């Protein structure tokens, strides 16, 4: 059975709090995607953690890490996804006319399914999640008992902790909507988010 669960929770929480692609994506969805899209993105991101942990339990992540070709293909695919999201964010920012209610436009563009696919693909496209799953998760599982189920259970904890943090983050951004909705602030956040996604995508694709 899993051991040191409190330490594992603290570890995954700290990892979730680090600025990265998922945080940038969540902020982007708050600003542009609408509530349903954000909910889908949260669910898709959490599903990605579950899939990574299940793959780690089954040894699939180890196979990917052991195969340079497979790992490289996955890394490049993940980088492309992040770059695409960054370019899309910047294009939306450039092409959108500044108004006092920019967040209203995002409500009608996408929905839960679209957000889910974006959240899932962003998570699965990040090989660092696979590295975490294969190198960190086993450290919190004892040799006794159902190792597979214990690893998957830790994956559920990982997903819940990360989702909880992103819900808190997006709630804070949403509560500050009056400030965020100011055209200059909105554009600044959107440009920053787009640049972060582009940079992360390039770093992931390059293996940095």
N, C-alpha and C. Protein backbone atom coordinates (compact mmCIF):
# COMPACT_ATOMS: atom_id res chain seq x y z
N UNK A 1 0.83 -1.21 0.00
CA UNK A 1 0.00 0.00 0.00
C UNK A 1 0.86 1.25 0.00
N UNK A 2 0.31 2.39 -0.46
CA UNK A 2 1.09 3.63 -0.49
C UNK A 2 1.55 4.02 0.91
N UNK A 3 2.74 4.57 1.00
CA UNK A 3 3.26 5.04 2.27
C UNK A 3 3.59 6.52 2.16
N UNK A 4 3.70 7.18 3.33
CA UNK A 4 4.07 8.58 3.36
C UNK A 4 3.14 9.42 2.48
N UNK A 5 1.85 9.17 2.55
CA UNK A 5 0.89 9.89 1.72
C UNK A 5 0.94 11.39 1.97
N UNK A 6 1.03 11.85 3.23
CA UNK A 6 1.12 13.30 3.44
C UNK A 6 2.31 13.93 2.72
N UNK A 7 3.45 13.24 2.72
CA UNK A 7 4.63 13.75 2.02
C UNK A 7 4.38 13.78 0.52
N UNK A 8 3.71 12.74 0.02
CA UNK A 8 3.40 12.68 -1.40
C UNK A 8 2.46 13.82 -1.79
N UNK A 9 1.47 14.10 -0.95
CA UNK A 9 0.54 15.20 -1.21
C UNK A 9 1.28 16.52 -1.25
N UNK A 10 2.18 16.72 -0.29
CA UNK A 10 2.95 17.96 -0.25
C UNK A 10 3.82 18.09 -1.50
N UNK A 11 4.41 16.97 -1.94
CA UNK A 11 5.27 16.99 -3.12
C UNK A 11 4.49 17.35 -4.37
N UNK A 12 3.36 16.71 -4.58
CA UNK A 12 2.56 16.99 -5.77
C UNK A 12 1.97 18.39 -5.73
N UNK A 13 1.65 18.89 -4.54
CA UNK A 13 1.13 20.25 -4.42
C UNK A 13 2.19 21.26 -4.82
N UNK A 14 3.41 21.06 -4.33
CA UNK A 14 4.49 21.97 -4.68
C UNK A 14 4.76 21.94 -6.19
N UNK A 15 4.71 20.76 -6.77
CA UNK A 15 4.92 20.64 -8.21
C UNK A 15 3.82 21.36 -8.99
N UNK A 16 2.58 21.23 -8.52
CA UNK A 16 1.47 21.90 -9.18
C UNK A 16 1.58 23.41 -9.09
N UNK A 17 2.14 23.90 -7.97
CA UNK A 17 2.26 25.34 -7.75
C UNK A 17 3.35 25.97 -8.59
N UNK A 18 4.28 25.16 -9.10
CA UNK A 18 5.33 25.71 -9.95
C UNK A 18 4.73 26.22 -11.26
N UNK A 19 5.15 27.42 -11.72
CA UNK A 19 4.65 27.93 -13.01
C UNK A 19 4.99 26.95 -14.13
N UNK A 20 4.03 26.69 -14.97
CA UNK A 20 4.26 25.75 -16.06
C UNK A 20 3.15 25.81 -17.08
N UNK A 21 3.16 24.83 -17.98
CA UNK A 21 2.20 24.81 -19.07
C UNK A 21 0.76 24.70 -18.57
N UNK A 22 0.53 23.85 -17.58
CA UNK A 22 -0.83 23.65 -17.09
C UNK A 22 -1.38 24.91 -16.45
N UNK A 23 -0.56 25.59 -15.64
CA UNK A 23 -1.01 26.82 -15.00
C UNK A 23 -1.32 27.88 -16.05
N UNK A 24 -0.43 28.01 -17.04
CA UNK A 24 -0.66 28.99 -18.10
C UNK A 24 -1.93 28.66 -18.87
N UNK A 25 -2.15 27.37 -19.13
CA UNK A 25 -3.34 26.94 -19.85
C UNK A 25 -4.61 27.25 -19.06
N UNK A 26 -4.59 26.99 -17.75
CA UNK A 26 -5.76 27.26 -16.92
C UNK A 26 -6.12 28.74 -16.93
N UNK A 27 -5.10 29.60 -16.81
CA UNK A 27 -5.34 31.04 -16.84
C UNK A 27 -5.91 31.45 -18.19
N UNK A 28 -5.38 30.86 -19.24
CA UNK A 28 -5.88 31.16 -20.59
C UNK A 28 -7.36 30.79 -20.70
N UNK A 29 -7.74 29.65 -20.14
CA UNK A 29 -9.13 29.22 -20.24
C UNK A 29 -10.06 30.12 -19.43
N UNK A 30 -9.57 30.61 -18.29
CA UNK A 30 -10.38 31.54 -17.51
C UNK A 30 -10.65 32.81 -18.30
N UNK A 31 -9.62 33.29 -18.99
CA UNK A 31 -9.73 34.56 -19.70
C UNK A 31 -10.50 34.44 -21.01
N UNK A 32 -10.40 33.28 -21.67
CA UNK A 32 -10.94 33.18 -23.02
C UNK A 32 -11.96 32.06 -23.21
N UNK A 33 -11.85 30.98 -22.47
CA UNK A 33 -12.64 29.80 -22.80
C UNK A 33 -14.01 29.73 -22.19
N UNK A 34 -14.23 30.37 -21.07
CA UNK A 34 -15.52 30.24 -20.40
C UNK A 34 -15.50 29.14 -19.36
N UNK A 35 -16.53 29.10 -18.52
CA UNK A 35 -16.58 28.19 -17.38
C UNK A 35 -16.62 26.73 -17.82
N UNK A 36 -17.43 26.41 -18.82
CA UNK A 36 -17.53 25.02 -19.26
C UNK A 36 -16.21 24.53 -19.85
N UNK A 37 -15.55 25.38 -20.60
CA UNK A 37 -14.26 25.00 -21.17
C UNK A 37 -13.23 24.79 -20.07
N UNK A 38 -13.26 25.66 -19.07
CA UNK A 38 -12.34 25.52 -17.94
C UNK A 38 -12.58 24.21 -17.20
N UNK A 39 -13.84 23.87 -16.96
CA UNK A 39 -14.17 22.61 -16.28
C UNK A 39 -13.66 21.42 -17.09
N UNK A 40 -13.83 21.48 -18.40
CA UNK A 40 -13.34 20.40 -19.25
C UNK A 40 -11.83 20.30 -19.20
N UNK A 41 -11.14 21.44 -19.19
CA UNK A 41 -9.68 21.45 -19.13
C UNK A 41 -9.18 20.85 -17.82
N UNK A 42 -9.83 21.20 -16.72
CA UNK A 42 -9.48 20.63 -15.42
C UNK A 42 -9.65 19.11 -15.43
N UNK A 43 -10.77 18.65 -15.98
CA UNK A 43 -11.04 17.21 -16.05
C UNK A 43 -10.04 16.51 -16.95
N UNK A 44 -9.73 17.10 -18.10
CA UNK A 44 -8.77 16.50 -19.02
C UNK A 44 -7.38 16.43 -18.43
N UNK A 45 -6.98 17.49 -17.72
CA UNK A 45 -5.67 17.51 -17.09
C UNK A 45 -5.57 16.43 -16.00
N UNK A 46 -6.64 16.29 -15.21
CA UNK A 46 -6.67 15.27 -14.16
C UNK A 46 -6.63 13.87 -14.77
N UNK A 47 -7.34 13.67 -15.88
CA UNK A 47 -7.32 12.38 -16.56
C UNK A 47 -5.92 12.03 -17.03
N UNK A 48 -5.19 13.04 -17.49
CA UNK A 48 -3.82 12.83 -17.93
C UNK A 48 -2.95 12.28 -16.81
N UNK A 49 -3.11 12.82 -15.60
CA UNK A 49 -2.34 12.31 -14.47
C UNK A 49 -2.69 10.85 -14.17
N UNK A 50 -3.98 10.53 -14.28
CA UNK A 50 -4.41 9.15 -14.04
C UNK A 50 -3.81 8.20 -15.08
N UNK A 51 -3.79 8.63 -16.32
CA UNK A 51 -3.23 7.79 -17.38
C UNK A 51 -1.72 7.62 -17.21
N UNK A 52 -1.03 8.68 -16.84
CA UNK A 52 0.41 8.58 -16.61
C UNK A 52 0.72 7.61 -15.48
N UNK A 53 -0.04 7.74 -14.38
CA UNK A 53 0.22 6.86 -13.23
C UNK A 53 -0.12 5.41 -13.55
N UNK A 54 -1.19 5.20 -14.33
CA UNK A 54 -1.55 3.84 -14.72
C UNK A 54 -0.48 3.25 -15.64
N UNK A 55 0.03 4.11 -16.56
CA UNK A 55 1.10 3.65 -17.45
C UNK A 55 2.35 3.30 -16.66
N UNK A 56 2.64 4.12 -15.64
CA UNK A 56 3.80 3.84 -14.80
C UNK A 56 3.62 2.52 -14.07
N UNK A 57 2.41 2.30 -13.55
CA UNK A 57 2.13 1.05 -12.83
C UNK A 57 2.28 -0.15 -13.75
N UNK A 58 1.92 0.02 -15.01
CA UNK A 58 1.99 -1.08 -15.96
C UNK A 58 3.37 -1.21 -16.61
N UNK A 59 4.25 -0.24 -16.33
CA UNK A 59 5.59 -0.29 -16.89
C UNK A 59 5.72 0.35 -18.25
N UNK A 60 4.64 0.99 -18.75
CA UNK A 60 4.70 1.58 -20.09
C UNK A 60 5.60 2.81 -20.13
N UNK A 61 5.58 3.59 -19.05
CA UNK A 61 6.44 4.77 -19.02
C UNK A 61 7.91 4.36 -19.06
N UNK A 62 8.23 3.25 -18.38
CA UNK A 62 9.60 2.77 -18.40
C UNK A 62 10.02 2.39 -19.81
N UNK A 63 9.10 1.80 -20.56
CA UNK A 63 9.39 1.42 -21.94
C UNK A 63 9.66 2.67 -22.78
N UNK A 64 8.83 3.72 -22.58
CA UNK A 64 9.02 4.97 -23.32
C UNK A 64 10.37 5.59 -23.00
N UNK A 65 10.72 5.60 -21.71
CA UNK A 65 11.98 6.20 -21.31
C UNK A 65 13.16 5.38 -21.80
N UNK A 66 12.96 4.07 -21.96
CA UNK A 66 14.04 3.21 -22.42
C UNK A 66 14.20 3.26 -23.93
N UNK A 67 13.19 3.76 -24.64
CA UNK A 67 13.25 3.84 -26.10
C UNK A 67 13.49 5.29 -26.52
N UNK A 68 14.67 5.63 -26.96
CA UNK A 68 14.97 7.00 -27.37
C UNK A 68 14.02 7.51 -28.45
N UNK A 69 13.67 6.65 -29.40
CA UNK A 69 12.79 7.08 -30.49
C UNK A 69 11.40 7.42 -29.98
N UNK A 70 10.84 6.53 -29.16
CA UNK A 70 9.49 6.76 -28.63
C UNK A 70 9.47 8.00 -27.72
N UNK A 71 10.50 8.12 -26.90
CA UNK A 71 10.56 9.26 -25.99
C UNK A 71 10.69 10.56 -26.76
N UNK A 72 11.54 10.56 -27.79
CA UNK A 72 11.73 11.77 -28.60
C UNK A 72 10.44 12.16 -29.32
N UNK A 73 9.75 11.15 -29.87
CA UNK A 73 8.49 11.43 -30.57
C UNK A 73 7.46 12.03 -29.62
N UNK A 74 7.36 11.47 -28.41
CA UNK A 74 6.42 11.98 -27.43
C UNK A 74 6.79 13.38 -26.99
N UNK A 75 8.09 13.62 -26.79
CA UNK A 75 8.55 14.93 -26.36
C UNK A 75 8.24 15.99 -27.42
N UNK A 76 8.53 15.67 -28.68
CA UNK A 76 8.28 16.63 -29.76
C UNK A 76 6.79 16.89 -29.92
N UNK A 77 5.98 15.83 -29.81
CA UNK A 77 4.53 16.00 -29.91
C UNK A 77 4.02 16.92 -28.80
N UNK A 78 4.53 16.73 -27.60
CA UNK A 78 4.13 17.59 -26.49
C UNK A 78 4.53 19.03 -26.72
N UNK A 79 5.74 19.23 -27.25
CA UNK A 79 6.19 20.58 -27.55
C UNK A 79 5.33 21.25 -28.59
N UNK A 80 4.92 20.49 -29.60
CA UNK A 80 4.07 21.04 -30.66
C UNK A 80 2.72 21.48 -30.11
N UNK A 81 2.16 20.66 -29.21
CA UNK A 81 0.88 21.02 -28.60
C UNK A 81 0.99 22.35 -27.85
N UNK A 82 2.05 22.49 -27.06
CA UNK A 82 2.22 23.71 -26.28
C UNK A 82 2.48 24.92 -27.17
N UNK A 83 3.28 24.74 -28.21
CA UNK A 83 3.55 25.84 -29.15
C UNK A 83 2.26 26.25 -29.85
N UNK A 84 1.47 25.26 -30.26
CA UNK A 84 0.19 25.56 -30.91
C UNK A 84 -0.71 26.40 -30.01
N UNK A 85 -0.81 26.01 -28.74
CA UNK A 85 -1.64 26.77 -27.81
C UNK A 85 -1.09 28.18 -27.61
N UNK A 86 0.23 28.30 -27.56
CA UNK A 86 0.82 29.62 -27.41
C UNK A 86 0.55 30.51 -28.61
N UNK A 87 0.72 29.96 -29.81
CA UNK A 87 0.44 30.73 -31.03
C UNK A 87 -1.03 31.12 -31.10
N UNK A 88 -1.91 30.18 -30.75
CA UNK A 88 -3.34 30.46 -30.78
C UNK A 88 -3.71 31.56 -29.81
N UNK A 89 -3.10 31.54 -28.63
CA UNK A 89 -3.37 32.57 -27.64
C UNK A 89 -2.91 33.94 -28.14
N UNK A 90 -1.71 34.01 -28.71
CA UNK A 90 -1.19 35.28 -29.21
C UNK A 90 -2.00 35.78 -30.39
N UNK A 91 -2.42 34.88 -31.28
CA UNK A 91 -3.23 35.29 -32.42
C UNK A 91 -4.58 35.83 -31.97
N UNK A 92 -5.18 35.16 -30.99
CA UNK A 92 -6.45 35.63 -30.46
C UNK A 92 -6.30 37.02 -29.85
N UNK A 93 -5.21 37.22 -29.12
CA UNK A 93 -4.96 38.51 -28.48
C UNK A 93 -4.79 39.61 -29.52
N UNK A 94 -4.07 39.31 -30.59
CA UNK A 94 -3.81 40.30 -31.63
C UNK A 94 -5.07 40.62 -32.44
N UNK A 95 -5.87 39.58 -32.73
CA UNK A 95 -7.03 39.76 -33.61
C UNK A 95 -8.28 40.23 -32.90
N UNK A 96 -8.30 40.13 -31.56
CA UNK A 96 -9.49 40.52 -30.82
C UNK A 96 -9.50 42.02 -30.59
N UNK A 97 -10.61 42.63 -30.91
CA UNK A 97 -10.76 44.06 -30.68
C UNK A 97 -10.89 44.32 -29.20
N UNK A 98 -10.14 45.31 -28.70
CA UNK A 98 -10.20 45.64 -27.29
C UNK A 98 -11.58 46.15 -26.93
N UNK A 99 -12.15 45.59 -25.87
CA UNK A 99 -13.46 46.04 -25.39
C UNK A 99 -13.48 45.96 -23.89
N UNK A 100 -14.54 46.40 -23.28
CA UNK A 100 -14.65 46.38 -21.83
C UNK A 100 -15.17 45.06 -21.33
N UNK A 101 -15.60 44.17 -22.24
CA UNK A 101 -16.14 42.87 -21.84
C UNK A 101 -15.51 41.75 -22.66
N UNK A 102 -14.20 41.63 -22.67
CA UNK A 102 -13.56 40.63 -23.51
C UNK A 102 -13.85 39.21 -23.08
N UNK A 103 -14.16 39.00 -21.81
CA UNK A 103 -14.38 37.63 -21.36
C UNK A 103 -15.68 37.06 -21.88
N UNK A 104 -16.63 37.90 -22.28
CA UNK A 104 -17.90 37.39 -22.77
C UNK A 104 -17.73 36.64 -24.08
N UNK A 105 -16.74 37.07 -24.88
CA UNK A 105 -16.55 36.42 -26.18
C UNK A 105 -16.09 34.99 -26.03
N UNK A 106 -15.29 34.74 -24.99
CA UNK A 106 -14.76 33.39 -24.81
C UNK A 106 -15.84 32.39 -24.49
N UNK A 107 -16.97 32.84 -23.89
CA UNK A 107 -17.99 31.93 -23.44
C UNK A 107 -18.63 31.15 -24.58
N UNK A 108 -18.62 31.73 -25.78
CA UNK A 108 -19.37 31.09 -26.86
C UNK A 108 -18.47 30.34 -27.83
N UNK A 109 -17.18 30.32 -27.61
CA UNK A 109 -16.29 29.72 -28.60
C UNK A 109 -16.11 28.22 -28.42
N UNK A 110 -15.99 27.78 -27.20
CA UNK A 110 -15.70 26.37 -26.98
C UNK A 110 -16.57 25.84 -25.85
N UNK A 111 -16.42 24.56 -25.56
CA UNK A 111 -17.22 23.95 -24.51
C UNK A 111 -16.42 22.93 -23.74
N UNK A 112 -17.13 22.08 -23.00
CA UNK A 112 -16.49 21.11 -22.11
C UNK A 112 -15.61 20.14 -22.89
N UNK A 113 -16.14 19.58 -23.98
CA UNK A 113 -15.39 18.57 -24.74
C UNK A 113 -14.10 19.14 -25.30
N UNK A 114 -14.17 20.35 -25.84
CA UNK A 114 -12.97 20.99 -26.39
C UNK A 114 -11.96 21.24 -25.29
N UNK A 115 -12.42 21.75 -24.15
CA UNK A 115 -11.52 21.99 -23.03
C UNK A 115 -10.90 20.70 -22.52
N UNK A 116 -11.69 19.64 -22.48
CA UNK A 116 -11.20 18.34 -22.02
C UNK A 116 -10.06 17.84 -22.90
N UNK A 117 -10.25 17.92 -24.21
CA UNK A 117 -9.22 17.44 -25.13
C UNK A 117 -7.94 18.27 -25.02
N UNK A 118 -8.10 19.59 -24.84
CA UNK A 118 -6.93 20.46 -24.70
C UNK A 118 -6.18 20.12 -23.41
N UNK A 119 -6.93 19.97 -22.30
CA UNK A 119 -6.29 19.64 -21.03
C UNK A 119 -5.60 18.29 -21.07
N UNK A 120 -6.26 17.30 -21.69
CA UNK A 120 -5.70 15.96 -21.77
C UNK A 120 -4.46 15.93 -22.66
N UNK A 121 -4.54 16.56 -23.84
CA UNK A 121 -3.41 16.54 -24.76
C UNK A 121 -2.22 17.30 -24.21
N UNK A 122 -2.48 18.39 -23.49
CA UNK A 122 -1.38 19.15 -22.89
C UNK A 122 -0.67 18.32 -21.84
N UNK A 123 -1.44 17.61 -21.03
CA UNK A 123 -0.85 16.78 -19.98
C UNK A 123 -0.08 15.61 -20.57
N UNK A 124 -0.71 14.88 -21.50
CA UNK A 124 -0.06 13.71 -22.09
C UNK A 124 1.11 14.10 -22.98
N UNK A 125 1.07 15.33 -23.48
CA UNK A 125 2.16 15.80 -24.34
C UNK A 125 3.37 16.28 -23.57
N UNK A 126 3.32 16.19 -22.25
CA UNK A 126 4.43 16.62 -21.42
C UNK A 126 5.17 15.41 -20.87
N UNK A 127 6.29 15.04 -21.47
CA UNK A 127 7.01 13.85 -21.02
C UNK A 127 7.54 13.98 -19.60
N UNK A 128 7.65 15.20 -19.09
CA UNK A 128 8.11 15.38 -17.72
C UNK A 128 7.14 14.74 -16.73
N UNK A 129 5.86 14.72 -17.10
CA UNK A 129 4.89 14.04 -16.24
C UNK A 129 5.18 12.55 -16.20
N UNK A 130 5.59 11.99 -17.34
CA UNK A 130 5.95 10.58 -17.37
C UNK A 130 7.19 10.29 -16.54
N UNK A 131 8.16 11.20 -16.61
CA UNK A 131 9.36 11.03 -15.81
C UNK A 131 9.01 11.06 -14.32
N UNK A 132 8.13 11.99 -13.94
CA UNK A 132 7.70 12.07 -12.55
C UNK A 132 6.99 10.78 -12.13
N UNK A 133 6.13 10.30 -13.02
CA UNK A 133 5.36 9.10 -12.70
C UNK A 133 6.26 7.89 -12.49
N UNK A 134 7.29 7.77 -13.31
CA UNK A 134 8.11 6.56 -13.23
C UNK A 134 9.22 6.68 -12.18
N UNK A 135 9.61 7.92 -11.84
CA UNK A 135 10.73 8.08 -10.92
C UNK A 135 10.31 8.44 -9.50
N UNK A 136 9.16 9.08 -9.35
CA UNK A 136 8.73 9.55 -8.03
C UNK A 136 7.67 8.64 -7.42
N UNK A 137 6.67 8.27 -8.19
CA UNK A 137 5.59 7.44 -7.66
C UNK A 137 6.09 6.17 -6.97
N UNK A 138 7.02 5.42 -7.58
CA UNK A 138 7.46 4.17 -6.94
C UNK A 138 8.09 4.39 -5.56
N UNK A 139 8.61 5.58 -5.31
CA UNK A 139 9.24 5.84 -4.02
C UNK A 139 8.23 5.88 -2.87
N UNK A 140 6.96 6.03 -3.22
CA UNK A 140 5.91 6.12 -2.21
C UNK A 140 5.07 4.84 -2.14
N UNK A 141 5.55 3.80 -2.78
CA UNK A 141 4.83 2.52 -2.79
C UNK A 141 5.72 1.44 -2.16
N UNK A 142 5.18 0.69 -1.23
CA UNK A 142 5.95 -0.38 -0.60
C UNK A 142 5.98 -1.61 -1.49
N UNK A 143 6.93 -2.48 -1.23
CA UNK A 143 7.04 -3.71 -2.01
C UNK A 143 5.95 -4.71 -1.65
N UNK A 144 5.35 -4.53 -0.47
CA UNK A 144 4.30 -5.43 -0.03
C UNK A 144 2.95 -4.93 -0.51
N UNK A 145 2.05 -5.87 -0.79
CA UNK A 145 0.70 -5.49 -1.18
C UNK A 145 0.58 -5.31 -2.68
N UNK A 146 -0.59 -4.88 -3.14
CA UNK A 146 -0.86 -4.70 -4.58
C UNK A 146 -0.17 -3.45 -5.13
N UNK A 147 1.02 -3.65 -5.69
CA UNK A 147 1.81 -2.52 -6.17
C UNK A 147 1.07 -1.76 -7.27
N UNK A 148 0.44 -2.48 -8.19
CA UNK A 148 -0.26 -1.83 -9.30
C UNK A 148 -1.37 -0.92 -8.77
N UNK A 149 -2.23 -1.47 -7.90
CA UNK A 149 -3.34 -0.68 -7.38
C UNK A 149 -2.85 0.47 -6.51
N UNK A 150 -1.77 0.25 -5.78
CA UNK A 150 -1.22 1.30 -4.94
C UNK A 150 -0.69 2.46 -5.79
N UNK A 151 -0.04 2.12 -6.88
CA UNK A 151 0.49 3.16 -7.77
C UNK A 151 -0.64 3.95 -8.42
N UNK A 152 -1.69 3.24 -8.86
CA UNK A 152 -2.85 3.92 -9.44
C UNK A 152 -3.53 4.81 -8.40
N UNK A 153 -3.61 4.31 -7.15
CA UNK A 153 -4.21 5.10 -6.07
C UNK A 153 -3.44 6.39 -5.85
N UNK A 154 -2.12 6.31 -5.90
CA UNK A 154 -1.31 7.53 -5.78
C UNK A 154 -1.55 8.45 -6.97
N UNK A 155 -1.81 7.86 -8.13
CA UNK A 155 -2.15 8.67 -9.29
C UNK A 155 -3.43 9.44 -9.09
N UNK A 156 -4.39 8.82 -8.43
CA UNK A 156 -5.66 9.50 -8.12
C UNK A 156 -5.40 10.66 -7.17
N UNK A 157 -4.55 10.43 -6.17
CA UNK A 157 -4.19 11.51 -5.24
C UNK A 157 -3.49 12.64 -5.98
N UNK A 158 -2.57 12.29 -6.86
CA UNK A 158 -1.84 13.26 -7.69
C UNK A 158 -2.81 14.11 -8.49
N UNK A 159 -3.78 13.46 -9.14
CA UNK A 159 -4.76 14.18 -9.94
C UNK A 159 -5.62 15.10 -9.09
N UNK A 160 -6.06 14.62 -7.93
CA UNK A 160 -6.92 15.41 -7.06
C UNK A 160 -6.20 16.62 -6.49
N UNK A 161 -4.95 16.42 -6.08
CA UNK A 161 -4.17 17.53 -5.53
C UNK A 161 -3.94 18.60 -6.59
N UNK A 162 -3.55 18.18 -7.77
CA UNK A 162 -3.30 19.13 -8.86
C UNK A 162 -4.58 19.86 -9.25
N UNK A 163 -5.69 19.12 -9.37
CA UNK A 163 -6.96 19.73 -9.73
C UNK A 163 -7.40 20.74 -8.67
N UNK A 164 -7.18 20.40 -7.41
CA UNK A 164 -7.56 21.31 -6.33
C UNK A 164 -6.78 22.62 -6.41
N UNK A 165 -5.48 22.51 -6.69
CA UNK A 165 -4.68 23.72 -6.80
C UNK A 165 -5.12 24.58 -7.98
N UNK A 166 -5.37 23.94 -9.13
CA UNK A 166 -5.76 24.69 -10.31
C UNK A 166 -7.16 25.31 -10.14
N UNK A 167 -8.02 24.63 -9.39
CA UNK A 167 -9.33 25.21 -9.09
C UNK A 167 -9.17 26.45 -8.23
N UNK A 168 -8.26 26.40 -7.26
CA UNK A 168 -8.00 27.55 -6.41
C UNK A 168 -7.39 28.69 -7.23
N UNK A 169 -6.46 28.35 -8.10
CA UNK A 169 -5.81 29.35 -8.94
C UNK A 169 -6.81 30.04 -9.86
N UNK A 170 -7.64 29.24 -10.53
CA UNK A 170 -8.60 29.82 -11.46
C UNK A 170 -9.69 30.59 -10.72
N UNK A 171 -10.04 30.15 -9.51
CA UNK A 171 -11.00 30.89 -8.70
C UNK A 171 -10.45 32.27 -8.37
N UNK A 172 -9.16 32.31 -8.01
CA UNK A 172 -8.54 33.59 -7.67
C UNK A 172 -8.52 34.52 -8.88
N UNK A 173 -8.20 33.96 -10.05
CA UNK A 173 -8.19 34.76 -11.27
C UNK A 173 -9.59 35.25 -11.60
N UNK A 174 -10.58 34.35 -11.42
CA UNK A 174 -11.96 34.71 -11.70
C UNK A 174 -12.47 35.79 -10.76
N UNK A 175 -12.08 35.71 -9.47
CA UNK A 175 -12.49 36.71 -8.49
C UNK A 175 -11.92 38.08 -8.83
N UNK A 176 -10.77 38.07 -9.48
CA UNK A 176 -10.17 39.33 -9.90
C UNK A 176 -10.55 39.71 -11.31
N UNK A 177 -11.71 39.21 -11.76
CA UNK A 177 -12.13 39.44 -13.15
C UNK A 177 -12.28 40.92 -13.47
N UNK A 178 -12.72 41.73 -12.50
CA UNK A 178 -12.88 43.16 -12.76
C UNK A 178 -11.55 43.79 -13.16
N UNK A 179 -10.48 43.35 -12.46
CA UNK A 179 -9.16 43.85 -12.81
C UNK A 179 -8.68 43.23 -14.10
N UNK A 180 -8.87 41.90 -14.20
CA UNK A 180 -8.41 41.18 -15.38
C UNK A 180 -9.13 41.65 -16.64
N UNK A 181 -10.40 42.07 -16.49
CA UNK A 181 -11.20 42.45 -17.64
C UNK A 181 -10.79 43.79 -18.24
N UNK A 182 -9.95 44.54 -17.55
CA UNK A 182 -9.45 45.77 -18.13
C UNK A 182 -8.64 45.42 -19.37
N UNK A 183 -8.91 46.08 -20.51
CA UNK A 183 -8.27 45.71 -21.78
C UNK A 183 -6.76 45.59 -21.70
N UNK A 184 -6.10 46.56 -21.05
CA UNK A 184 -4.63 46.51 -21.01
C UNK A 184 -4.14 45.33 -20.17
N UNK A 185 -4.82 45.07 -19.05
CA UNK A 185 -4.43 43.95 -18.20
C UNK A 185 -4.69 42.63 -18.90
N UNK A 186 -5.86 42.53 -19.55
CA UNK A 186 -6.22 41.31 -20.27
C UNK A 186 -5.21 40.99 -21.35
N UNK A 187 -4.86 42.00 -22.14
CA UNK A 187 -3.90 41.78 -23.20
C UNK A 187 -2.53 41.40 -22.64
N UNK A 188 -2.15 42.06 -21.55
CA UNK A 188 -0.86 41.74 -20.94
C UNK A 188 -0.81 40.31 -20.46
N UNK A 189 -1.87 39.84 -19.79
CA UNK A 189 -1.93 38.47 -19.31
C UNK A 189 -1.96 37.47 -20.46
N UNK A 190 -2.72 37.81 -21.50
CA UNK A 190 -2.82 36.91 -22.65
C UNK A 190 -1.49 36.78 -23.37
N UNK A 191 -0.82 37.92 -23.55
CA UNK A 191 0.49 37.89 -24.21
C UNK A 191 1.49 37.10 -23.36
N UNK A 192 1.48 37.34 -22.04
CA UNK A 192 2.38 36.62 -21.14
C UNK A 192 2.11 35.12 -21.20
N UNK A 193 0.82 34.75 -21.16
CA UNK A 193 0.45 33.34 -21.23
C UNK A 193 0.91 32.71 -22.54
N UNK A 194 0.68 33.42 -23.65
CA UNK A 194 1.09 32.91 -24.95
C UNK A 194 2.59 32.71 -25.05
N UNK A 195 3.35 33.69 -24.54
CA UNK A 195 4.81 33.60 -24.59
C UNK A 195 5.30 32.45 -23.71
N UNK A 196 4.68 32.28 -22.53
CA UNK A 196 5.06 31.19 -21.64
C UNK A 196 4.82 29.84 -22.32
N UNK A 197 3.65 29.68 -22.95
CA UNK A 197 3.34 28.43 -23.63
C UNK A 197 4.31 28.18 -24.78
N UNK A 198 4.64 29.23 -25.53
CA UNK A 198 5.61 29.08 -26.63
C UNK A 198 6.97 28.65 -26.09
N UNK A 199 7.42 29.32 -25.03
CA UNK A 199 8.72 28.99 -24.46
C UNK A 199 8.78 27.58 -23.91
N UNK A 200 7.71 27.19 -23.20
CA UNK A 200 7.67 25.84 -22.65
C UNK A 200 7.62 24.80 -23.76
N UNK A 201 6.84 25.10 -24.80
CA UNK A 201 6.75 24.17 -25.91
C UNK A 201 8.09 23.97 -26.59
N UNK A 202 8.80 25.07 -26.81
CA UNK A 202 10.12 24.98 -27.43
C UNK A 202 11.09 24.21 -26.54
N UNK A 203 11.02 24.47 -25.22
CA UNK A 203 11.91 23.77 -24.27
C UNK A 203 11.63 22.27 -24.24
N UNK A 204 10.34 21.92 -24.22
CA UNK A 204 9.97 20.50 -24.20
C UNK A 204 10.43 19.81 -25.48
N UNK A 205 10.17 20.44 -26.63
CA UNK A 205 10.54 19.84 -27.90
C UNK A 205 12.05 19.68 -28.03
N UNK A 206 12.79 20.64 -27.46
CA UNK A 206 14.25 20.59 -27.52
C UNK A 206 14.86 19.69 -26.47
N UNK A 207 14.03 19.23 -25.54
CA UNK A 207 14.53 18.34 -24.49
C UNK A 207 15.25 19.07 -23.39
N UNK A 208 14.97 20.36 -23.22
CA UNK A 208 15.63 21.15 -22.16
C UNK A 208 14.97 20.90 -20.83
